Protein backbone atom coordinates (compact mmCIF):
# COMPACT_ATOMS: atom_id res chain seq x y z
CA UNK A 1 0.00 0.00 0.00
CA UNK A 2 1.35 3.45 -0.79
CA UNK A 3 0.43 7.11 -1.18
CA UNK A 4 2.20 9.65 -3.38
CA UNK A 5 1.77 13.43 -3.07
CA UNK A 6 3.88 15.87 -5.12
CA UNK A 7 6.71 13.34 -5.36
CA UNK A 8 6.59 12.64 -1.61
CA UNK A 9 5.48 9.12 -0.86
CA UNK A 10 4.70 6.73 1.99
CA UNK A 11 4.59 2.98 1.46
CA UNK A 12 3.93 -0.15 3.50
CA UNK A 13 4.51 -3.86 2.97
CA UNK A 14 3.73 -6.98 4.95
CA UNK A 15 4.66 -10.65 4.78
CA UNK A 16 3.94 -13.76 6.82
CA UNK A 17 6.25 -16.04 4.85
CA UNK A 18 8.15 -18.27 7.27
CA UNK A 19 11.57 -17.71 5.72
CA UNK A 20 13.00 -14.37 6.97
CA UNK A 21 14.83 -13.61 3.72
CA UNK A 22 11.74 -14.24 1.59
CA UNK A 23 9.50 -12.35 4.01
CA UNK A 24 11.83 -9.37 4.09
CA UNK A 25 12.03 -9.30 0.29
CA UNK A 26 8.25 -9.47 -0.12
CA UNK A 27 7.52 -6.74 2.43
CA UNK A 28 10.32 -4.45 1.24
CA UNK A 29 9.37 -4.71 -2.42
CA UNK A 30 5.75 -3.81 -1.63
CA UNK A 31 6.71 -0.83 0.53
CA UNK A 32 9.40 0.65 -1.73
CA UNK A 33 7.91 -0.15 -5.16
CA UNK A 34 11.15 0.88 -6.86
CA UNK A 35 11.45 4.19 -4.99
CA UNK A 36 14.42 5.39 -2.95
CA UNK A 37 13.36 6.07 0.66
CA UNK A 38 14.73 8.48 3.22
CA UNK A 39 14.00 5.97 5.97
CA UNK A 40 12.75 2.41 6.28
CA UNK A 41 11.18 0.90 9.41
CA UNK A 42 11.39 -2.89 9.77
CA UNK A 43 9.22 -4.49 12.45
CA UNK A 44 9.24 -8.26 12.85
CA UNK A 45 8.34 -11.06 15.22
CA UNK A 46 10.96 -12.98 17.19
CA UNK A 47 12.74 -15.52 14.98
CA UNK A 48 12.95 -13.19 11.98
CA UNK A 49 15.72 -10.98 13.44
CA UNK A 50 18.54 -12.39 11.31
CA UNK A 51 20.83 -10.65 8.79
CA UNK A 52 19.06 -12.34 5.86
CA UNK A 53 15.89 -10.41 6.71
CA UNK A 54 17.52 -7.23 5.41
CA UNK A 55 19.39 -8.53 2.35
CA UNK A 56 16.77 -7.75 -0.30
CA UNK A 57 15.90 -4.44 1.35
CA UNK A 58 19.50 -3.26 1.35
CA UNK A 59 19.66 -3.99 -2.37
CA UNK A 60 16.77 -1.62 -3.07
CA UNK A 61 17.83 1.51 -1.15
CA UNK A 62 20.21 4.40 -1.61
CA UNK A 63 23.46 5.18 0.14
CA UNK A 64 21.81 7.72 2.43
CA UNK A 65 18.77 5.64 3.37
CA UNK A 66 18.45 4.81 7.07
CA UNK A 67 17.10 1.43 8.23
CA UNK A 68 15.69 1.22 11.76
CA UNK A 69 13.28 -1.08 13.57
CA UNK A 70 12.88 -3.76 16.19
CA UNK A 71 11.41 -7.08 17.18
CA UNK A 72 7.78 -6.90 18.24
CA UNK A 73 4.77 -8.52 19.84
CA UNK A 74 2.88 -8.11 16.56
CA UNK A 75 3.10 -5.87 13.51
CA UNK A 76 0.74 -4.06 11.17
CA UNK A 77 1.11 -2.75 7.63
CA UNK A 78 -0.57 -2.90 4.27
CA UNK A 79 -3.96 -3.03 6.01
CA UNK A 80 -3.11 -6.29 7.81
CA UNK A 81 -1.91 -7.38 11.24
CA UNK A 82 0.08 -10.45 12.24
CA UNK A 83 1.66 -12.07 15.26
CA UNK A 84 4.31 -13.75 13.15
CA UNK A 85 5.76 -11.92 10.19
CA UNK A 86 7.47 -8.78 8.92
CA UNK A 87 6.11 -5.29 8.34
CA UNK A 88 7.99 -2.60 6.43
CA UNK A 89 7.07 1.09 6.38
CA UNK A 90 9.03 3.67 4.39
CA UNK A 91 8.78 7.20 3.12
CA UNK A 92 10.75 9.49 0.85
CA UNK A 93 10.78 12.38 -1.56
CA UNK A 94 11.74 16.04 -1.26
CA UNK A 95 11.61 17.91 2.03
CA UNK A 96 12.48 15.09 4.46
CA UNK A 97 15.56 14.94 6.70
CA UNK A 98 16.56 11.98 8.89
CA UNK A 99 19.38 11.59 11.38
CA UNK A 100 19.92 8.82 13.92
CA UNK A 101 21.96 7.98 16.97
CA UNK A 102 22.28 4.68 18.84
CA UNK A 103 22.82 4.48 22.59
CA UNK A 104 24.29 1.09 23.53
CA UNK A 105 24.54 -0.90 26.76
CA UNK A 106 21.78 1.20 28.28
CA UNK A 107 20.82 -0.93 31.29
CA UNK A 108 21.58 1.01 34.45
CA UNK A 109 21.93 4.34 32.62
CA UNK A 110 18.57 4.81 30.91
CA UNK A 111 18.24 8.55 31.42
CA UNK A 112 21.73 9.13 30.05
CA UNK A 113 20.94 6.81 27.13
CA UNK A 114 17.76 8.74 26.31
CA UNK A 115 19.72 11.98 26.17
CA UNK A 116 22.45 10.36 24.09
CA UNK A 117 19.94 8.96 21.58
CA UNK A 118 18.21 12.34 21.33
CA UNK A 119 21.47 14.07 20.39
CA UNK A 120 20.70 13.40 16.72
CA UNK A 121 18.13 16.23 16.83
CA UNK A 122 20.93 18.77 16.64
CA UNK A 123 21.72 17.62 13.09
CA UNK A 124 18.19 18.32 11.78
CA UNK A 125 17.27 21.91 10.99
CA UNK A 126 13.80 21.77 9.45
CA UNK A 127 10.62 23.75 9.85
CA UNK A 128 8.94 20.77 11.51
CA UNK A 129 10.77 18.25 13.70
CA UNK A 130 9.98 15.22 15.83
CA UNK A 131 12.06 12.70 17.75
CA UNK A 132 11.17 9.03 17.26
CA UNK A 133 12.56 6.56 19.76
CA UNK A 134 12.78 2.76 19.75
CA UNK A 135 13.85 1.30 23.09
CA UNK A 136 14.65 -2.15 24.40
CA UNK A 137 11.47 -3.50 25.96
CA UNK A 138 13.00 -5.44 28.86
CA UNK A 139 15.32 -2.89 30.50
CA UNK A 140 12.65 -1.65 32.94
CA UNK A 141 12.15 1.99 34.05
CA UNK A 142 11.39 3.00 30.46
CA UNK A 143 10.26 6.44 31.67
CA UNK A 144 13.91 7.27 32.35
CA UNK A 145 14.63 7.03 28.61
CA UNK A 146 11.88 9.58 27.94
CA UNK A 147 13.13 11.90 30.67
CA UNK A 148 16.60 11.81 29.19
CA UNK A 149 15.29 12.53 25.70
CA UNK A 150 13.16 15.40 27.03
CA UNK A 151 16.24 16.99 28.59
CA UNK A 152 17.61 17.37 25.05
CA UNK A 153 14.48 17.82 22.94
CA UNK A 154 12.72 20.25 25.27
CA UNK A 155 9.03 21.03 25.20
CA UNK A 156 8.83 22.16 21.58
CA UNK A 157 9.73 18.87 19.85
CA UNK A 158 7.17 16.02 19.93
CA UNK A 159 8.38 12.62 21.12
CA UNK A 160 6.92 9.42 19.68
CA UNK A 161 7.91 5.76 19.59
CA UNK A 162 7.73 2.47 21.40
CA UNK A 163 9.60 -0.28 23.21
CA UNK A 164 10.60 -3.40 21.28
CA UNK A 165 8.81 -6.66 22.06
CA UNK A 166 9.42 -10.39 22.11
CA UNK A 167 5.84 -11.69 21.90
CA UNK A 168 5.33 -10.82 25.59
CA UNK A 169 7.89 -13.32 26.89
CA UNK A 170 10.01 -10.50 28.41
CA UNK A 171 13.27 -12.36 27.79
CA UNK A 172 15.13 -10.42 25.10
CA UNK A 173 14.22 -7.88 22.44
CA UNK A 174 16.14 -6.63 19.41
CA UNK A 175 16.69 -3.22 17.83
CA UNK A 176 17.85 -2.64 14.23
CA UNK A 177 20.00 0.14 12.83
CA UNK A 178 21.94 0.52 9.59
CA UNK A 179 21.72 1.16 5.89
CA UNK A 180 22.71 -0.14 2.50
CA UNK A 181 26.08 -1.49 3.69
CA UNK A 182 24.73 -3.45 6.63
CA UNK A 183 22.26 -3.56 9.52
CA UNK A 184 23.21 -4.12 13.15
CA UNK A 185 20.95 -6.36 15.22
CA UNK A 186 21.24 -5.02 18.77
CA UNK A 187 19.88 -5.57 22.25
CA UNK A 188 20.04 -3.28 25.28
CA UNK A 189 19.97 -0.25 22.97
CA UNK A 190 17.94 2.90 22.42
CA UNK A 191 17.55 4.31 18.90
CA UNK A 192 17.02 8.03 18.45
CA UNK A 193 15.56 9.00 15.07
CA UNK A 194 15.29 12.71 14.34
CA UNK A 195 12.70 13.46 11.65
CA UNK A 196 12.65 16.77 9.83
CA UNK A 197 10.10 17.91 7.28
CA UNK A 198 9.16 21.08 5.44
CA UNK A 199 5.51 20.15 6.03
CA UNK A 200 3.61 19.54 9.27
CA UNK A 201 3.98 16.48 11.48
CA UNK A 202 1.20 15.32 13.81
CA UNK A 203 0.97 13.13 16.92
CA UNK A 204 -2.08 11.35 18.34
CA UNK A 205 -2.40 9.69 21.77
CA UNK A 206 -5.46 7.75 22.98
CA UNK A 207 -6.17 4.77 25.25
CA UNK A 208 -9.92 4.14 25.62
CA UNK A 209 -9.85 3.66 29.41
CA UNK A 210 -12.08 5.47 31.95
CA UNK A 211 -11.93 6.07 35.70
CA UNK A 212 -13.51 3.47 37.98
CA UNK A 213 -14.31 4.66 41.50
CA UNK A 214 -12.94 7.48 43.62
CA UNK A 215 -9.55 9.08 43.15
CA UNK A 216 -6.54 7.85 45.13
CA UNK A 217 -3.47 9.81 46.17
CA UNK A 218 -0.11 8.04 45.75
CA UNK A 219 1.21 8.78 49.23
CA UNK A 220 4.35 6.66 48.92
CA UNK A 221 6.11 5.26 45.87
CA UNK A 222 9.53 4.49 44.46
CA UNK A 223 9.83 4.47 40.67
CA UNK A 224 7.22 1.90 39.54
CA UNK A 225 6.70 0.50 43.03
CA UNK A 226 3.52 1.91 44.60
CA UNK A 227 3.84 1.51 48.37
CA UNK A 228 0.83 3.45 49.65
CA UNK A 229 -2.44 4.79 48.30
CA UNK A 230 -4.33 7.25 50.52
CA UNK A 231 -1.95 6.37 53.35
CA UNK A 232 -2.75 2.64 53.25
CA UNK A 233 -0.67 -0.21 51.82
CA UNK A 234 -1.30 -0.08 48.07
CA UNK A 235 -1.86 -3.81 47.70
CA UNK A 236 -4.53 -3.79 50.41
CA UNK A 237 -6.35 -0.91 48.71
CA UNK A 238 -6.28 -2.71 45.37
CA UNK A 239 -7.60 -6.00 46.79
CA UNK A 240 -10.41 -4.20 48.60
CA UNK A 241 -11.39 -2.21 45.51
CA UNK A 242 -11.44 -5.43 43.49
CA UNK A 243 -13.56 -7.22 46.09
CA UNK A 244 -11.09 -10.09 46.55
CA UNK A 245 -9.10 -11.35 49.52
CA UNK A 246 -5.48 -12.30 50.11
CA UNK A 247 -5.94 -15.65 48.37
CA UNK A 248 -6.00 -13.78 45.03
CA UNK A 249 -2.19 -13.64 45.33
CA UNK A 250 -1.82 -17.43 45.59
CA UNK A 251 -2.05 -17.79 41.80
CA UNK A 252 0.38 -15.29 40.26
CA UNK A 253 -1.05 -15.68 36.76
CA UNK A 254 -4.62 -15.14 37.97
CA UNK A 255 -3.57 -12.03 39.93
CA UNK A 256 -1.83 -10.57 36.88
CA UNK A 257 -4.96 -11.24 34.83
CA UNK A 258 -7.07 -9.38 37.39
CA UNK A 259 -4.63 -6.48 37.53
CA UNK A 260 -4.28 -6.44 33.75
CA UNK A 261 -7.94 -5.44 33.43
CA UNK A 262 -7.67 -2.73 36.09
CA UNK A 263 -4.55 -0.63 35.50
CA UNK A 264 -3.78 2.64 37.26
CA UNK A 265 -4.55 5.92 35.55
CA UNK A 266 -2.40 8.93 36.52
CA UNK A 267 -3.94 12.38 36.27
CA UNK A 268 -2.49 14.56 33.53
CA UNK A 269 -3.68 17.83 32.00
CA UNK A 270 -4.55 15.98 28.79
CA UNK A 271 -6.24 13.00 30.49
CA UNK A 272 -4.81 9.94 32.20
CA UNK A 273 -1.55 8.10 31.61
CA UNK A 274 -1.98 4.35 32.04
CA UNK A 275 0.27 2.21 34.24
CA UNK A 276 0.00 -1.59 34.05
CA UNK A 277 0.00 -3.30 37.46
CA UNK A 278 2.38 -6.19 36.91
CA UNK A 279 2.43 -7.80 40.36
CA UNK A 280 1.78 -7.42 44.07
CA UNK A 281 4.36 -7.90 46.85
CA UNK A 282 3.10 -9.52 50.03
CA UNK A 283 6.24 -8.49 51.94
CA UNK A 284 5.84 -4.70 51.70
CA UNK A 285 2.23 -4.67 50.36
CA UNK A 286 3.31 -2.81 47.21
CA UNK A 287 1.83 -2.78 43.74
CA UNK A 288 4.50 -3.17 41.06
CA UNK A 289 3.98 -1.23 37.84
CA UNK A 290 5.98 -1.25 34.62
CA UNK A 291 6.81 2.47 34.71
CA UNK A 292 7.04 5.27 37.24
CA UNK A 293 4.12 6.23 39.49
CA UNK A 294 5.22 9.51 41.10
CA UNK A 295 4.61 10.10 44.79
CA UNK A 296 1.89 12.71 45.23
CA UNK A 297 0.16 11.82 41.97
CA UNK A 298 -3.61 11.57 41.75
CA UNK A 299 -4.60 8.13 40.46
CA UNK A 300 -7.62 5.99 39.70
CA UNK A 301 -8.20 2.35 38.97
CA UNK A 302 -9.28 2.20 35.34
CA UNK A 303 -11.71 0.13 33.32
CA UNK A 304 -12.59 -0.19 29.66
CA UNK A 305 -15.01 -1.80 27.25
CA UNK A 306 -14.41 -3.52 23.95
CA UNK A 307 -16.05 -0.60 22.13
CA UNK A 308 -14.06 2.08 23.97
CA UNK A 309 -10.79 0.37 23.05
CA UNK A 310 -11.86 0.19 19.42
CA UNK A 311 -12.98 3.81 19.37
CA UNK A 312 -9.58 4.93 20.61
CA UNK A 313 -7.93 3.64 17.41
CA UNK A 314 -9.97 6.08 15.41
CA UNK A 315 -9.36 8.84 17.95
CA UNK A 316 -5.57 8.44 17.84
CA UNK A 317 -5.55 8.40 14.04
CA UNK A 318 -7.80 11.47 13.84
CA UNK A 319 -5.71 13.44 16.36
CA UNK A 320 -2.52 12.93 14.37
CA UNK A 321 -4.15 13.88 11.08
CA UNK A 322 -5.92 16.90 12.59
CA UNK A 323 -2.57 18.12 13.92
CA UNK A 324 -1.42 18.56 10.30
CA UNK A 325 -3.45 21.77 10.19
CA UNK A 326 -5.59 20.88 7.22
CA UNK A 327 -2.86 19.49 4.99
CA UNK A 328 -3.61 16.00 3.64
CA UNK A 329 -1.88 13.11 5.39
CA UNK A 330 0.79 11.25 3.44
CA UNK A 331 0.96 8.31 5.88
CA UNK A 332 0.77 7.34 9.55
CA UNK A 333 3.19 5.41 11.77
CA UNK A 334 1.48 3.46 14.59
CA UNK A 335 2.77 2.34 18.01
CA UNK A 336 0.10 0.13 19.57
CA UNK A 337 0.32 -1.60 22.96
CA UNK A 338 0.65 -5.38 22.92
CA UNK A 339 -1.61 -5.41 25.98
CA UNK A 340 -4.39 -3.98 23.85
CA UNK A 341 -4.10 -7.02 21.57
CA UNK A 342 -4.70 -9.27 24.58
CA UNK A 343 -7.65 -7.16 25.73
CA UNK A 344 -9.23 -7.00 22.27
CA UNK A 345 -8.53 -10.59 21.20
CA UNK A 346 -7.83 -11.77 17.67
CA UNK A 347 -11.18 -10.63 16.28
CA UNK A 348 -10.92 -7.32 18.10
CA UNK A 349 -7.51 -6.58 16.62
CA UNK A 350 -8.96 -7.07 13.16
CA UNK A 351 -11.78 -4.68 14.08
CA UNK A 352 -9.22 -2.17 15.34
CA UNK A 353 -7.38 -2.45 12.05
CA UNK A 354 -10.64 -1.79 10.20
CA UNK A 355 -11.19 1.28 12.40
CA UNK A 356 -7.82 2.64 11.35
CA UNK A 357 -8.69 2.09 7.71
CA UNK A 358 -12.06 3.79 8.08
CA UNK A 359 -10.71 6.86 9.88
CA UNK A 360 -7.69 7.25 7.58
CA UNK A 361 -9.75 6.72 4.42
CA UNK A 362 -7.03 5.29 2.19
CA UNK A 363 -4.01 6.88 3.90
CA UNK A 364 -1.41 4.09 4.38
CA UNK A 365 -0.26 3.19 7.87
CA UNK A 366 2.18 0.77 9.47
CA UNK A 367 3.76 0.03 12.81
CA UNK A 368 4.04 -2.49 15.61
CA UNK A 369 2.64 -3.76 18.91
CA UNK A 370 4.96 -2.53 21.65
CA UNK A 371 5.75 -3.11 25.32
CA UNK A 372 5.52 0.59 26.16
CA UNK A 373 4.52 3.59 24.07
CA UNK A 374 6.22 6.98 23.84
CA UNK A 375 4.05 9.96 23.04
CA UNK A 376 4.46 13.56 24.14
CA UNK A 377 3.23 16.73 22.52
CA UNK A 378 3.51 18.98 25.57
CA UNK A 379 4.77 18.74 29.13
CA UNK A 380 7.60 16.58 30.43
CA UNK A 381 5.81 13.22 30.60
CA UNK A 382 5.46 10.83 27.73
CA UNK A 383 5.72 7.15 28.73
CA UNK A 384 2.50 5.18 28.31
CA UNK A 385 1.07 1.68 28.52
CA UNK A 386 -2.19 0.26 27.15
CA UNK A 387 -2.08 3.24 24.80
CA UNK A 388 -2.04 3.89 21.07
CA UNK A 389 0.34 6.55 19.69
CA UNK A 390 0.23 7.71 16.07
CA UNK A 391 2.58 9.87 14.01
CA UNK A 392 1.29 11.49 10.80
CA UNK A 393 3.24 13.11 7.98
CA UNK A 394 1.85 15.65 5.52
């Protein structure tokens, strides 16, 4: 699928062939269609992250083309979604600028790594700029990457992106960076991708969750560890709100399932940021989340419906396109939470895909299912879960 506007173009390709080399060739050929891109995004399931995946792609690009991407927990492109496969999204033509920087061995220095990756922004001097970021999905404390990037990008440059996945096994994820002469397959890395354009860029952020019950004040926390809510042990508050007793913790998988459907929402000026509750600790009665929950924050337990999650796909797409100020969209990059796939189910994901198609009305889109979403248009925050982030180009 592709869209061409005044020599600028945006193309997507998708393949579920089992051989990585053949899948990469099929997806790349569909996305590029003989055109030279400024940048190519390659998103693939675990098992495809081998050098052969990129061979055919590298043969079709120019010397200045940048290849970036990661392993995923699902990918979407060409109007299709898949758990196992390869998705390629690319764009090119006049007026685009792309610069990248890779921060390596980031565990234990995530804020520094975010700032290091964001340093590529200095090399892009365009009328419209954004910083895309692809992070390792198993390093923990992903919010530190965003804080580091914000220290460089400041409030004026939108941040978008996502954390690489491994089909929700949380063992190891991979990040890709390179070009025509070769592609590195990395882990424990953060990719910074500075995008410049002489036409508008737009960001959309939506999640489809709503508040359930009264507000709670986070009276004690440490990073993603919520120790107290309203002055009580956080785990006790959660169990009481859920109407279950201590035995709910006896089955770790069952507790995670319960918590999965009732994340925390943190109050923000633009709505609520979602934090997945990953576990509960009987020792200190803490709730363990996958990103920071600041002490003093106002929070709610959240709930959703199938329809509200579907509606948010259209909302995120519309926000990004509306941010283009009336100029027609060339294409949209999508960072969708892998947790939303679990909530929606296989049929629901297909419905979500149809919602994208309906709202975008022929505008091509591609992206991946992530283990953490990055989206910030204002303010210093920008790390999300259970959320859908979109990035539109005019």
